[in-house]
């Protein structure tokens, strides 16, 4: 894993947690944003995939 992929993963994780914290899901019926751990992992995976690392 190169430094760019690691940085993109960390930024994605931070954005995923930020989305949960500031937007979230008031009803609790949202499978991704209702849980901060799932939201953070989802953001990290999306950040890694967006980095284009192989």
PDB file of N, CA and C in Angstrom:
ATOM      1  N   UNK A   1       0.861  -1.165   0.000  1.00  0.00           N
ATOM      2  CA  UNK A   1       0.000   0.000   0.000  1.00  0.00           C
ATOM      3  C   UNK A   1       0.911   1.232   0.000  1.00  0.00           C
ATOM      4  N   UNK A   2       0.725   2.064  -0.989  1.00  0.00           N
ATOM      5  CA  UNK A   2       1.544   3.271  -1.052  1.00  0.00           C
ATOM      6  C   UNK A   2       0.964   4.372  -0.166  1.00  0.00           C
ATOM      7  N   UNK A   3       1.716   5.453  -0.033  1.00  0.00           N
ATOM      8  CA  UNK A   3       1.321   6.540   0.866  1.00  0.00           C
ATOM      9  C   UNK A   3       0.040   7.225   0.392  1.00  0.00           C
ATOM     10  N   UNK A   4      -0.151   7.312  -0.925  1.00  0.00           N
ATOM     11  CA  UNK A   4      -1.358   7.947  -1.460  1.00  0.00           C
ATOM     12  C   UNK A   4      -2.597   7.125  -1.111  1.00  0.00           C
ATOM     13  N   UNK A   5      -2.498   5.815  -1.220  1.00  0.00           N
ATOM     14  CA  UNK A   5      -3.633   4.952  -0.880  1.00  0.00           C
ATOM     15  C   UNK A   5      -3.933   5.024   0.614  1.00  0.00           C
ATOM     16  N   UNK A   6      -2.889   5.072   1.434  1.00  0.00           N
ATOM     17  CA  UNK A   6      -3.087   5.179   2.876  1.00  0.00           C
ATOM     18  C   UNK A   6      -3.743   6.505   3.241  1.00  0.00           C
ATOM     19  N   UNK A   7      -3.282   7.579   2.633  1.00  0.00           N
ATOM     20  CA  UNK A   7      -3.863   8.894   2.892  1.00  0.00           C
ATOM     21  C   UNK A   7      -5.326   8.947   2.444  1.00  0.00           C
ATOM     22  N   UNK A   8      -5.617   8.398   1.269  1.00  0.00           N
ATOM     23  CA  UNK A   8      -6.993   8.382   0.768  1.00  0.00           C
ATOM     24  C   UNK A   8      -7.893   7.542   1.674  1.00  0.00           C
ATOM     25  N   UNK A   9      -7.368   6.450   2.212  1.00  0.00           N
ATOM     26  CA  UNK A   9      -8.134   5.608   3.126  1.00  0.00           C
ATOM     27  C   UNK A   9      -8.451   6.351   4.420  1.00  0.00           C
ATOM     28  N   UNK A  10      -7.466   7.059   4.951  1.00  0.00           N
ATOM     29  CA  UNK A  10      -7.685   7.821   6.184  1.00  0.00           C
ATOM     30  C   UNK A  10      -8.656   8.978   5.975  1.00  0.00           C
ATOM     31  N   UNK A  11      -8.533   9.662   4.850  1.00  0.00           N
ATOM     32  CA  UNK A  11      -9.462  10.756   4.545  1.00  0.00           C
ATOM     33  C   UNK A  11     -10.873  10.201   4.365  1.00  0.00           C
ATOM     34  N   UNK A  12     -10.999   9.082   3.673  1.00  0.00           N
ATOM     35  CA  UNK A  12     -12.307   8.458   3.493  1.00  0.00           C
ATOM     36  C   UNK A  12     -12.931   8.044   4.812  1.00  0.00           C
ATOM     37  N   UNK A  13     -12.110   7.503   5.714  1.00  0.00           N
ATOM     38  CA  UNK A  13     -12.617   7.117   7.030  1.00  0.00           C
ATOM     39  C   UNK A  13     -13.098   8.336   7.805  1.00  0.00           C
ATOM     40  N   UNK A  14     -12.336   9.414   7.744  1.00  0.00           N
ATOM     41  CA  UNK A  14     -12.734  10.643   8.438  1.00  0.00           C
ATOM     42  C   UNK A  14     -14.022  11.210   7.856  1.00  0.00           C
ATOM     43  N   UNK A  15     -14.142  11.175   6.539  1.00  0.00           N
ATOM     44  CA  UNK A  15     -15.364  11.669   5.905  1.00  0.00           C
ATOM     45  C   UNK A  15     -16.562  10.776   6.229  1.00  0.00           C
ATOM     46  N   UNK A  16     -16.336   9.469   6.285  1.00  0.00           N
ATOM     47  CA  UNK A  16     -17.414   8.548   6.653  1.00  0.00           C
ATOM     48  C   UNK A  16     -17.909   8.794   8.065  1.00  0.00           C
ATOM     49  N   UNK A  17     -16.974   8.995   8.986  1.00  0.00           N
ATOM     50  CA  UNK A  17     -17.381   9.299  10.361  1.00  0.00           C
ATOM     51  C   UNK A  17     -18.057  10.664  10.438  1.00  0.00           C
ATOM     52  N   UNK A  18     -17.515  11.627   9.710  1.00  0.00           N
ATOM     53  CA  UNK A  18     -18.117  12.960   9.693  1.00  0.00           C
ATOM     54  C   UNK A  18     -19.534  12.934   9.152  1.00  0.00           C
ATOM     55  N   UNK A  19     -19.749  12.108   8.147  1.00  0.00           N
ATOM     56  CA  UNK A  19     -21.100  11.988   7.600  1.00  0.00           C
ATOM     57  C   UNK A  19     -22.055  11.439   8.656  1.00  0.00           C
ATOM     58  N   UNK A  20     -21.601  10.419   9.375  1.00  0.00           N
ATOM     59  CA  UNK A  20     -22.444   9.867  10.444  1.00  0.00           C
ATOM     60  C   UNK A  20     -22.712  10.915  11.517  1.00  0.00           C
ATOM     61  N   UNK A  21     -21.690  11.648  11.887  1.00  0.00           N
ATOM     62  CA  UNK A  21     -21.791  12.612  12.994  1.00  0.00           C
ATOM     63  C   UNK A  21     -22.685  13.795  12.659  1.00  0.00           C
ATOM     64  N   UNK A  22     -22.542  14.347  11.448  1.00  0.00           N
ATOM     65  CA  UNK A  22     -23.242  15.584  11.122  1.00  0.00           C
ATOM     66  C   UNK A  22     -24.524  15.386  10.318  1.00  0.00           C
ATOM     67  N   UNK A  23     -24.627  14.297   9.569  1.00  0.00           N
ATOM     68  CA  UNK A  23     -25.841  14.030   8.789  1.00  0.00           C
ATOM     69  C   UNK A  23     -26.612  12.890   9.439  1.00  0.00           C
ATOM     70  N   UNK A  24     -25.958  11.739   9.566  1.00  0.00           N
ATOM     71  CA  UNK A  24     -26.520  10.606  10.275  1.00  0.00           C
ATOM     72  C   UNK A  24     -27.862  10.120   9.772  1.00  0.00           C
ATOM     73  N   UNK A  25     -28.574   9.467  10.673  1.00  0.00           N
ATOM     74  CA  UNK A  25     -29.872   8.893  10.353  1.00  0.00           C
ATOM     75  C   UNK A  25     -30.721   8.952  11.617  1.00  0.00           C
ATOM     76  N   UNK A  26     -31.707   9.797  11.612  1.00  0.00           N
ATOM     77  CA  UNK A  26     -32.509   9.993  12.825  1.00  0.00           C
ATOM     78  C   UNK A  26     -33.433   8.816  13.142  1.00  0.00           C
ATOM     79  N   UNK A  27     -33.849   8.081  12.120  1.00  0.00           N
ATOM     80  CA  UNK A  27     -34.786   6.983  12.364  1.00  0.00           C
ATOM     81  C   UNK A  27     -34.089   5.689  12.772  1.00  0.00           C
ATOM     82  N   UNK A  28     -32.811   5.545  12.457  1.00  0.00           N
ATOM     83  CA  UNK A  28     -32.094   4.316  12.755  1.00  0.00           C
ATOM     84  C   UNK A  28     -32.309   3.229  11.725  1.00  0.00           C
ATOM     85  N   UNK A  29     -33.029   3.534  10.655  1.00  0.00           N
ATOM     86  CA  UNK A  29     -33.322   2.535   9.631  1.00  0.00           C
ATOM     87  C   UNK A  29     -32.302   2.542   8.493  1.00  0.00           C
ATOM     88  N   UNK A  30     -31.328   3.415   8.545  1.00  0.00           N
ATOM     89  CA  UNK A  30     -30.314   3.507   7.492  1.00  0.00           C
ATOM     90  C   UNK A  30     -29.174   2.542   7.826  1.00  0.00           C
ATOM     91  N   UNK A  31     -28.924   1.530   7.014  1.00  0.00           N
ATOM     92  CA  UNK A  31     -27.948   0.510   7.376  1.00  0.00           C
ATOM     93  C   UNK A  31     -26.503   1.007   7.430  1.00  0.00           C
ATOM     94  N   UNK A  32     -26.149   2.017   6.659  1.00  0.00           N
ATOM     95  CA  UNK A  32     -24.760   2.485   6.644  1.00  0.00           C
ATOM     96  C   UNK A  32     -24.545   3.621   7.636  1.00  0.00           C
ATOM     97  N   UNK A  33     -25.413   4.598   7.646  1.00  0.00           N
ATOM     98  CA  UNK A  33     -25.169   5.792   8.454  1.00  0.00           C
ATOM     99  C   UNK A  33     -25.699   5.710   9.878  1.00  0.00           C
ATOM    100  N   UNK A  34     -26.419   4.665  10.236  1.00  0.00           N
ATOM    101  CA  UNK A  34     -26.955   4.557  11.591  1.00  0.00           C
ATOM    102  C   UNK A  34     -25.878   4.157  12.598  1.00  0.00           C
ATOM    103  N   UNK A  35     -24.838   3.485  12.158  1.00  0.00           N
ATOM    104  CA  UNK A  35     -23.775   3.000  13.031  1.00  0.00           C
ATOM    105  C   UNK A  35     -22.468   3.715  12.680  1.00  0.00           C
ATOM    106  N   UNK A  36     -21.775   4.330  13.648  1.00  0.00           N
ATOM    107  CA  UNK A  36     -20.549   5.057  13.315  1.00  0.00           C
ATOM    108  C   UNK A  36     -19.424   4.154  12.814  1.00  0.00           C
ATOM    109  N   UNK A  37     -19.364   2.913  13.280  1.00  0.00           N
ATOM    110  CA  UNK A  37     -18.311   2.005  12.839  1.00  0.00           C
ATOM    111  C   UNK A  37     -18.505   1.610  11.380  1.00  0.00           C
ATOM    112  N   UNK A  38     -19.720   1.277  11.022  1.00  0.00           N
ATOM    113  CA  UNK A  38     -20.003   0.896   9.640  1.00  0.00           C
ATOM    114  C   UNK A  38     -19.779   2.080   8.712  1.00  0.00           C
ATOM    115  N   UNK A  39     -20.198   3.250   9.131  1.00  0.00           N
ATOM    116  CA  UNK A  39     -20.020   4.451   8.325  1.00  0.00           C
ATOM    117  C   UNK A  39     -18.537   4.762   8.118  1.00  0.00           C
ATOM    118  N   UNK A  40     -17.725   4.584   9.158  1.00  0.00           N
ATOM    119  CA  UNK A  40     -16.288   4.841   9.059  1.00  0.00           C
ATOM    120  C   UNK A  40     -15.609   3.825   8.149  1.00  0.00           C
ATOM    121  N   UNK A  41     -15.938   2.560   8.302  1.00  0.00           N
ATOM    122  CA  UNK A  41     -15.348   1.522   7.448  1.00  0.00           C
ATOM    123  C   UNK A  41     -15.777   1.713   6.001  1.00  0.00           C
ATOM    124  N   UNK A  42     -17.030   2.051   5.785  1.00  0.00           N
ATOM    125  CA  UNK A  42     -17.521   2.302   4.431  1.00  0.00           C
ATOM    126  C   UNK A  42     -16.754   3.465   3.797  1.00  0.00           C
ATOM    127  N   UNK A  43     -16.558   4.531   4.551  1.00  0.00           N
ATOM    128  CA  UNK A  43     -15.799   5.670   4.041  1.00  0.00           C
ATOM    129  C   UNK A  43     -14.360   5.303   3.735  1.00  0.00           C
ATOM    130  N   UNK A  44     -13.742   4.484   4.589  1.00  0.00           N
ATOM    131  CA  UNK A  44     -12.363   4.053   4.356  1.00  0.00           C
ATOM    132  C   UNK A  44     -12.257   3.212   3.088  1.00  0.00           C
ATOM    133  N   UNK A  45     -13.187   2.304   2.894  1.00  0.00           N
ATOM    134  CA  UNK A  45     -13.175   1.470   1.684  1.00  0.00           C
ATOM    135  C   UNK A  45     -13.382   2.327   0.439  1.00  0.00           C
ATOM    136  N   UNK A  46     -14.307   3.264   0.508  1.00  0.00           N
ATOM    137  CA  UNK A  46     -14.544   4.153  -0.639  1.00  0.00           C
ATOM    138  C   UNK A  46     -13.318   5.028  -0.917  1.00  0.00           C
ATOM    139  N   UNK A  47     -12.651   5.493   0.129  1.00  0.00           N
ATOM    140  CA  UNK A  47     -11.426   6.272  -0.049  1.00  0.00           C
ATOM    141  C   UNK A  47     -10.330   5.450  -0.693  1.00  0.00           C
ATOM    142  N   UNK A  48     -10.176   4.206  -0.251  1.00  0.00           N
ATOM    143  CA  UNK A  48      -9.168   3.323  -0.836  1.00  0.00           C
ATOM    144  C   UNK A  48      -9.471   3.043  -2.302  1.00  0.00           C
ATOM    145  N   UNK A  49     -10.720   2.759  -2.602  1.00  0.00           N
ATOM    146  CA  UNK A  49     -11.089   2.485  -3.992  1.00  0.00           C
ATOM    147  C   UNK A  49     -10.916   3.719  -4.870  1.00  0.00           C
ATOM    148  N   UNK A  50     -11.188   4.889  -4.323  1.00  0.00           N
ATOM    149  CA  UNK A  50     -11.027   6.127  -5.087  1.00  0.00           C
ATOM    150  C   UNK A  50      -9.559   6.440  -5.352  1.00  0.00           C
ATOM    151  N   UNK A  51      -8.659   5.902  -4.529  1.00  0.00           N
ATOM    152  CA  UNK A  51      -7.236   6.172  -4.723  1.00  0.00           C
ATOM    153  C   UNK A  51      -6.690   5.467  -5.959  1.00  0.00           C
ATOM    154  N   UNK A  52      -7.349   4.420  -6.391  1.00  0.00           N
ATOM    155  CA  UNK A  52      -6.896   3.683  -7.569  1.00  0.00           C
ATOM    156  C   UNK A  52      -5.711   2.774  -7.294  1.00  0.00           C
ATOM    157  N   UNK A  53      -5.438   2.471  -6.037  1.00  0.00           N
ATOM    158  CA  UNK A  53      -4.322   1.601  -5.672  1.00  0.00           C
ATOM    159  C   UNK A  53      -4.594   0.176  -6.139  1.00  0.00           C
ATOM    160  N   UNK A  54      -3.523  -0.529  -6.411  1.00  0.00           N
ATOM    161  CA  UNK A  54      -3.639  -1.927  -6.848  1.00  0.00           C
ATOM    162  C   UNK A  54      -3.058  -2.848  -5.827  1.00  0.00           C
TER     163      UNK A  54
END
